C-alpha atoms as a PDB file:
ATOM      1  CA  UNK A   1      13.822  58.805  61.791  1.00  0.00           C
ATOM      2  CA  UNK A   2      15.053  61.886  59.937  1.00  0.00           C
ATOM      3  CA  UNK A   3      16.520  64.628  62.108  1.00  0.00           C
ATOM      4  CA  UNK A   4      15.115  68.144  61.757  1.00  0.00           C
ATOM      5  CA  UNK A   5      17.533  70.473  59.962  1.00  0.00           C
ATOM      6  CA  UNK A   6      19.615  72.612  62.287  1.00  0.00           C
ATOM      7  CA  UNK A   7      18.858  76.320  62.170  1.00  0.00           C
ATOM      8  CA  UNK A   8      21.932  78.417  61.486  1.00  0.00           C
ATOM      9  CA  UNK A   9      21.857  82.154  62.219  1.00  0.00           C
ATOM     10  CA  UNK A  10      23.745  84.318  59.742  1.00  0.00           C
ATOM     11  CA  UNK A  11      25.915  87.026  61.305  1.00  0.00           C
ATOM     12  CA  UNK A  12      28.019  89.836  59.858  1.00  0.00           C
ATOM     13  CA  UNK A  13      30.938  90.872  62.065  1.00  0.00           C
ATOM     14  CA  UNK A  14      32.038  94.490  62.193  1.00  0.00           C
ATOM     15  CA  UNK A  15      35.138  94.808  64.381  1.00  0.00           C
ATOM     16  CA  UNK A  16      37.085  97.872  65.436  1.00  0.00           C
ATOM     17  CA  UNK A  17      40.361  96.437  64.128  1.00  0.00           C
ATOM     18  CA  UNK A  18      41.604  93.534  61.947  1.00  0.00           C
ATOM     19  CA  UNK A  19      43.187  91.647  64.856  1.00  0.00           C
ATOM     20  CA  UNK A  20      39.915  91.615  66.802  1.00  0.00           C
ATOM     21  CA  UNK A  21      38.044  90.442  63.712  1.00  0.00           C
ATOM     22  CA  UNK A  22      40.502  87.641  62.958  1.00  0.00           C
ATOM     23  CA  UNK A  23      40.466  86.333  66.513  1.00  0.00           C
ATOM     24  CA  UNK A  24      36.688  86.534  66.834  1.00  0.00           C
ATOM     25  CA  UNK A  25      36.059  84.740  63.539  1.00  0.00           C
ATOM     26  CA  UNK A  26      38.332  81.916  64.672  1.00  0.00           C
ATOM     27  CA  UNK A  27      36.441  81.551  67.948  1.00  0.00           C
ATOM     28  CA  UNK A  28      32.982  81.788  66.380  1.00  0.00           C
ATOM     29  CA  UNK A  29      33.874  78.993  63.947  1.00  0.00           C
ATOM     30  CA  UNK A  30      33.415  76.609  66.890  1.00  0.00           C
ATOM     31  CA  UNK A  31      29.708  77.469  67.155  1.00  0.00           C
ATOM     32  CA  UNK A  32      27.781  75.469  64.565  1.00  0.00           C
ATOM     33  CA  UNK A  33      24.558  77.357  65.231  1.00  0.00           C
ATOM     34  CA  UNK A  34      26.129  80.497  63.749  1.00  0.00           C
ATOM     35  CA  UNK A  35      27.514  81.446  60.347  1.00  0.00           C
ATOM     36  CA  UNK A  36      29.741  84.397  61.230  1.00  0.00           C
ATOM     37  CA  UNK A  37      31.663  86.227  58.526  1.00  0.00           C
ATOM     38  CA  UNK A  38      33.294  89.598  58.230  1.00  0.00           C
ATOM     39  CA  UNK A  39      30.870  92.242  57.019  1.00  0.00           C
ATOM     40  CA  UNK A  40      30.630  92.675  53.258  1.00  0.00           C
ATOM     41  CA  UNK A  41      28.228  94.800  51.226  1.00  0.00           C
ATOM     42  CA  UNK A  42      25.270  92.972  49.722  1.00  0.00           C
ATOM     43  CA  UNK A  43      25.213  89.985  52.073  1.00  0.00           C
ATOM     44  CA  UNK A  44      21.887  89.655  53.867  1.00  0.00           C
ATOM     45  CA  UNK A  45      22.192  88.502  57.469  1.00  0.00           C
ATOM     46  CA  UNK A  46      19.986  88.130  60.525  1.00  0.00           C
ATOM     47  CA  UNK A  47      22.341  89.893  62.934  1.00  0.00           C
ATOM     48  CA  UNK A  48      25.046  92.550  62.689  1.00  0.00           C
ATOM     49  CA  UNK A  49      27.607  92.017  65.466  1.00  0.00           C
ATOM     50  CA  UNK A  50      29.865  94.913  66.446  1.00  0.00           C
ATOM     51  CA  UNK A  51      32.976  94.236  68.545  1.00  0.00           C
ATOM     52  CA  UNK A  52      34.896  97.217  69.892  1.00  0.00           C
ATOM     53  CA  UNK A  53      36.446  98.656  73.016  1.00  0.00           C
ATOM     54  CA  UNK A  54      34.945 102.097  72.423  1.00  0.00           C
ATOM     55  CA  UNK A  55      32.018 103.118  70.229  1.00  0.00           C
ATOM     56  CA  UNK A  56      33.545 106.007  68.313  1.00  0.00           C
ATOM     57  CA  UNK A  57      31.756 108.461  66.051  1.00  0.00           C
ATOM     58  CA  UNK A  58      33.398 106.814  63.040  1.00  0.00           C
ATOM     59  CA  UNK A  59      32.272 103.330  64.079  1.00  0.00           C
ATOM     60  CA  UNK A  60      28.729 104.525  64.740  1.00  0.00           C
ATOM     61  CA  UNK A  61      28.628 106.145  61.304  1.00  0.00           C
ATOM     62  CA  UNK A  62      29.769 102.838  59.805  1.00  0.00           C
ATOM     63  CA  UNK A  63      26.945 101.015  61.608  1.00  0.00           C
ATOM     64  CA  UNK A  64      24.482 103.565  60.236  1.00  0.00           C
ATOM     65  CA  UNK A  65      25.827 103.034  56.707  1.00  0.00           C
ATOM     66  CA  UNK A  66      25.533  99.256  57.014  1.00  0.00           C
ATOM     67  CA  UNK A  67      21.954  99.400  58.294  1.00  0.00           C
ATOM     68  CA  UNK A  68      20.950 101.991  55.720  1.00  0.00           C
ATOM     69  CA  UNK A  69      22.295  99.847  52.889  1.00  0.00           C
ATOM     70  CA  UNK A  70      20.256  96.815  53.989  1.00  0.00           C
ATOM     71  CA  UNK A  71      17.521  96.223  51.442  1.00  0.00           C
ATOM     72  CA  UNK A  72      14.442  97.189  53.469  1.00  0.00           C
ATOM     73  CA  UNK A  73      15.150  94.631  56.191  1.00  0.00           C
ATOM     74  CA  UNK A  74      18.123  95.711  58.329  1.00  0.00           C
ATOM     75  CA  UNK A  75      19.610  93.038  60.597  1.00  0.00           C
ATOM     76  CA  UNK A  76      19.235  93.060  64.349  1.00  0.00           C
ATOM     77  CA  UNK A  77      22.157  94.836  65.991  1.00  0.00           C
ATOM     78  CA  UNK A  78      24.270  93.338  68.774  1.00  0.00           C
ATOM     79  CA  UNK A  79      27.042  95.519  70.189  1.00  0.00           C
ATOM     80  CA  UNK A  80      29.845  94.328  72.467  1.00  0.00           C
ATOM     81  CA  UNK A  81      31.862  97.257  73.831  1.00  0.00           C
ATOM     82  CA  UNK A  82      33.075  98.784  77.074  1.00  0.00           C
ATOM     83  CA  UNK A  83      32.686 102.491  76.373  1.00  0.00           C
ATOM     84  CA  UNK A  84      29.599 104.143  74.904  1.00  0.00           C
ATOM     85  CA  UNK A  85      27.474 107.156  75.768  1.00  0.00           C
ATOM     86  CA  UNK A  86      23.752 107.313  76.483  1.00  0.00           C
ATOM     87  CA  UNK A  87      23.311 109.324  73.284  1.00  0.00           C
ATOM     88  CA  UNK A  88      25.027 106.566  71.307  1.00  0.00           C
ATOM     89  CA  UNK A  89      22.734 103.957  72.847  1.00  0.00           C
ATOM     90  CA  UNK A  90      19.693 105.938  71.705  1.00  0.00           C
ATOM     91  CA  UNK A  91      21.121 106.207  68.196  1.00  0.00           C
ATOM     92  CA  UNK A  92      21.840 102.488  68.131  1.00  0.00           C
ATOM     93  CA  UNK A  93      18.291 101.700  69.252  1.00  0.00           C
ATOM     94  CA  UNK A  94      17.122 103.498  66.120  1.00  0.00           C
ATOM     95  CA  UNK A  95      19.490 101.192  64.217  1.00  0.00           C
ATOM     96  CA  UNK A  96      17.769  97.991  65.451  1.00  0.00           C
ATOM     97  CA  UNK A  97      19.825  97.490  68.624  1.00  0.00           C
ATOM     98  CA  UNK A  98      18.501  94.445  70.474  1.00  0.00           C
ATOM     99  CA  UNK A  99      21.608  93.293  72.324  1.00  0.00           C
ATOM    100  CA  UNK A 100      24.274  95.231  74.222  1.00  0.00           C
ATOM    101  CA  UNK A 101      27.052  93.662  76.278  1.00  0.00           C
ATOM    102  CA  UNK A 102      30.057  95.019  78.139  1.00  0.00           C
ATOM    103  CA  UNK A 103      33.089  93.552  76.404  1.00  0.00           C
ATOM    104  CA  UNK A 104      35.158  93.112  79.551  1.00  0.00           C
ATOM    105  CA  UNK A 105      32.361  91.137  81.214  1.00  0.00           C
ATOM    106  CA  UNK A 106      31.408  88.953  78.245  1.00  0.00           C
ATOM    107  CA  UNK A 107      32.387  85.463  77.166  1.00  0.00           C
ATOM    108  CA  UNK A 108      31.928  84.077  73.676  1.00  0.00           C
ATOM    109  CA  UNK A 109      29.158  81.872  75.058  1.00  0.00           C
ATOM    110  CA  UNK A 110      27.262  84.919  76.347  1.00  0.00           C
ATOM    111  CA  UNK A 111      27.782  86.742  73.050  1.00  0.00           C
ATOM    112  CA  UNK A 112      26.431  83.770  71.106  1.00  0.00           C
ATOM    113  CA  UNK A 113      23.436  83.528  73.438  1.00  0.00           C
ATOM    114  CA  UNK A 114      22.699  87.232  72.898  1.00  0.00           C
ATOM    115  CA  UNK A 115      23.011  86.846  69.120  1.00  0.00           C
ATOM    116  CA  UNK A 116      20.489  83.999  69.116  1.00  0.00           C
ATOM    117  CA  UNK A 117      18.076  85.932  71.340  1.00  0.00           C
ATOM    118  CA  UNK A 118      18.375  88.997  69.118  1.00  0.00           C
ATOM    119  CA  UNK A 119      17.702  86.947  66.003  1.00  0.00           C
ATOM    120  CA  UNK A 120      14.408  85.959  67.651  1.00  0.00           C
ATOM    121  CA  UNK A 121      13.586  89.617  68.315  1.00  0.00           C
ATOM    122  CA  UNK A 122      14.313  89.556  72.051  1.00  0.00           C
ATOM    123  CA  UNK A 123      15.987  92.369  73.949  1.00  0.00           C
ATOM    124  CA  UNK A 124      19.093  92.042  76.098  1.00  0.00           C
ATOM    125  CA  UNK A 125      20.378  95.303  77.544  1.00  0.00           C
ATOM    126  CA  UNK A 126      22.474  95.843  80.700  1.00  0.00           C
ATOM    127  CA  UNK A 127      20.457  96.952  83.719  1.00  0.00           C
ATOM    128  CA  UNK A 128      22.339 100.255  83.859  1.00  0.00           C
ATOM    129  CA  UNK A 129      21.483 100.951  80.222  1.00  0.00           C
ATOM    130  CA  UNK A 130      17.834 100.120  80.862  1.00  0.00           C
ATOM    131  CA  UNK A 131      17.762 102.643  83.707  1.00  0.00           C
ATOM    132  CA  UNK A 132      19.261 105.301  81.431  1.00  0.00           C
ATOM    133  CA  UNK A 133      16.707 104.441  78.766  1.00  0.00           C
ATOM    134  CA  UNK A 134      13.786 104.779  81.133  1.00  0.00           C
ATOM    135  CA  UNK A 135      15.129 107.943  82.719  1.00  0.00           C
ATOM    136  CA  UNK A 136      15.714 109.682  79.409  1.00  0.00           C
ATOM    137  CA  UNK A 137      12.519 108.954  77.530  1.00  0.00           C
ATOM    138  CA  UNK A 138      12.024 112.714  77.312  1.00  0.00           C
ATOM    139  CA  UNK A 139      14.950 112.883  74.910  1.00  0.00           C
ATOM    140  CA  UNK A 140      12.795 111.288  72.232  1.00  0.00           C
ATOM    141  CA  UNK A 141      10.323 114.130  72.486  1.00  0.00           C
ATOM    142  CA  UNK A 142       7.718 112.500  74.720  1.00  0.00           C
ATOM    143  CA  UNK A 143       6.397 114.501  77.654  1.00  0.00           C
ATOM    144  CA  UNK A 144       5.997 113.166  81.161  1.00  0.00           C
ATOM    145  CA  UNK A 145       3.332 110.436  80.954  1.00  0.00           C
ATOM    146  CA  UNK A 146       0.049 111.657  82.359  1.00  0.00           C
ATOM    147  CA  UNK A 147      -3.254 110.044  83.189  1.00  0.00           C
ATOM    148  CA  UNK A 148      -4.618 110.839  79.755  1.00  0.00           C
ATOM    149  CA  UNK A 149      -1.648 109.235  78.039  1.00  0.00           C
ATOM    150  CA  UNK A 150      -1.573 106.024  80.028  1.00  0.00           C
ATOM    151  CA  UNK A 151      -5.338 105.692  80.035  1.00  0.00           C
ATOM    152  CA  UNK A 152      -5.253 105.264  76.267  1.00  0.00           C
ATOM    153  CA  UNK A 153      -3.256 102.052  76.691  1.00  0.00           C
ATOM    154  CA  UNK A 154      -5.718  99.192  76.726  1.00  0.00           C
ATOM    155  CA  UNK A 155      -5.208  96.392  79.212  1.00  0.00           C
ATOM    156  CA  UNK A 156      -3.981  94.010  76.539  1.00  0.00           C
ATOM    157  CA  UNK A 157      -1.450  96.586  75.280  1.00  0.00           C
ATOM    158  CA  UNK A 158      -0.058  96.916  78.801  1.00  0.00           C
ATOM    159  CA  UNK A 159       0.223  93.140  79.102  1.00  0.00           C
ATOM    160  CA  UNK A 160       1.984  92.897  75.736  1.00  0.00           C
ATOM    161  CA  UNK A 161       4.546  95.528  76.764  1.00  0.00           C
ATOM    162  CA  UNK A 162       5.054  93.832  80.123  1.00  0.00           C
ATOM    163  CA  UNK A 163       5.835  90.482  78.498  1.00  0.00           C
ATOM    164  CA  UNK A 164       8.141  92.073  75.928  1.00  0.00           C
ATOM    165  CA  UNK A 165      10.006  93.834  78.728  1.00  0.00           C
ATOM    166  CA  UNK A 166      10.537  90.416  80.332  1.00  0.00           C
ATOM    167  CA  UNK A 167      12.442  89.362  77.212  1.00  0.00           C
ATOM    168  CA  UNK A 168       9.779  87.275  75.463  1.00  0.00           C
ATOM    169  CA  UNK A 169       9.748  87.253  71.682  1.00  0.00           C
ATOM    170  CA  UNK A 170       6.735  88.422  69.684  1.00  0.00           C
ATOM    171  CA  UNK A 171       5.872  84.803  68.926  1.00  0.00           C
ATOM    172  CA  UNK A 172       6.058  83.819  72.610  1.00  0.00           C
ATOM    173  CA  UNK A 173       3.870  86.761  73.634  1.00  0.00           C
ATOM    174  CA  UNK A 174       1.313  85.722  71.019  1.00  0.00           C
ATOM    175  CA  UNK A 175       1.286  82.173  72.369  1.00  0.00           C
ATOM    176  CA  UNK A 176       1.051  83.333  75.992  1.00  0.00           C
ATOM    177  CA  UNK A 177      -1.917  85.631  75.288  1.00  0.00           C
ATOM    178  CA  UNK A 178      -3.550  83.370  72.700  1.00  0.00           C
ATOM    179  CA  UNK A 179      -3.326  86.005  69.964  1.00  0.00           C
ATOM    180  CA  UNK A 180      -1.840  85.794  66.501  1.00  0.00           C
ATOM    181  CA  UNK A 181       1.673  87.151  66.025  1.00  0.00           C
ATOM    182  CA  UNK A 182       0.243  89.730  63.615  1.00  0.00           C
ATOM    183  CA  UNK A 183      -2.125  90.964  66.348  1.00  0.00           C
ATOM    184  CA  UNK A 184       0.794  91.463  68.754  1.00  0.00           C
ATOM    185  CA  UNK A 185       2.724  93.422  66.133  1.00  0.00           C
ATOM    186  CA  UNK A 186      -0.356  95.554  65.440  1.00  0.00           C
ATOM    187  CA  UNK A 187      -0.800  96.299  69.156  1.00  0.00           C
ATOM    188  CA  UNK A 188       2.812  97.456  69.471  1.00  0.00           C
ATOM    189  CA  UNK A 189       2.555  99.510  66.278  1.00  0.00           C
ATOM    190  CA  UNK A 190      -0.604 101.179  67.593  1.00  0.00           C
ATOM    191  CA  UNK A 191       1.110 102.140  70.873  1.00  0.00           C
ATOM    192  CA  UNK A 192       4.179 103.476  69.067  1.00  0.00           C
ATOM    193  CA  UNK A 193       2.055 105.509  66.634  1.00  0.00           C
ATOM    194  CA  UNK A 194      -0.449 106.846  69.160  1.00  0.00           C
ATOM    195  CA  UNK A 195       2.168 108.006  71.655  1.00  0.00           C
ATOM    196  CA  UNK A 196       4.554 109.256  68.947  1.00  0.00           C
ATOM    197  CA  UNK A 197       7.365 106.936  69.964  1.00  0.00           C
ATOM    198  CA  UNK A 198      10.039 105.528  67.687  1.00  0.00           C
ATOM    199  CA  UNK A 199      10.023 101.785  68.207  1.00  0.00           C
ATOM    200  CA  UNK A 200       9.206  98.921  70.541  1.00  0.00           C
ATOM    201  CA  UNK A 201      12.108  99.604  72.909  1.00  0.00           C
ATOM    202  CA  UNK A 202      10.978 103.196  73.394  1.00  0.00           C
ATOM    203  CA  UNK A 203       7.415 101.990  74.022  1.00  0.00           C
ATOM    204  CA  UNK A 204       8.623  99.679  76.792  1.00  0.00           C
ATOM    205  CA  UNK A 205      10.690 102.473  78.358  1.00  0.00           C
ATOM    206  CA  UNK A 206       7.696 104.816  78.209  1.00  0.00           C
ATOM    207  CA  UNK A 207       5.452 102.279  79.933  1.00  0.00           C
ATOM    208  CA  UNK A 208       8.031 101.646  82.676  1.00  0.00           C
ATOM    209  CA  UNK A 209       8.474 105.361  83.272  1.00  0.00           C
ATOM    210  CA  UNK A 210       4.706 105.799  83.454  1.00  0.00           C
ATOM    211  CA  UNK A 211       4.613 103.127  86.159  1.00  0.00           C
ATOM    212  CA  UNK A 212       2.178 100.888  84.302  1.00  0.00           C
ATOM    213  CA  UNK A 213       4.459  97.868  83.900  1.00  0.00           C
END
């Protein structure tokens, strides 16, 4: 019986210094489910992994350059760092942030797990960051949710956002609700467009703040 081919997730590593990059690449070589290499222009990957102690303005600008140079399909962003501001988190969300870990509290196993979840489109953010995200939805230009705003969210849209907030992937939500994956994506796009949000993460934060999930 022929074994199914193993799925390998491609990862570009952007580290704050050469020593961190060298050590991380050596450790990641032990994980056969990943193909981790130092970032290089032109290489298409599923995930961009950033390792740093502090997210500096220069590093954030580099992340923006990398994502901007991606040919229409920027990789998911996973950041492992100890120091970052709420403003930087919001900027990184716009840059496809799906995973954020505190470096001092992370193991390589937890980083790999987050990379794999992010490649599937799942979110993994620290609880403290989630609270900041919910509490600062106004910073993306959305007023306090009112009855008229939340009323426009159909029951199925609310259920989709609830499942996404629980960490399910788009495919898993589609299976759970017996919809096609395209339908789920269309529902999220409709919510984002109608409420003038920026992306799926902002839509989830909006719904939490409105008290509907």
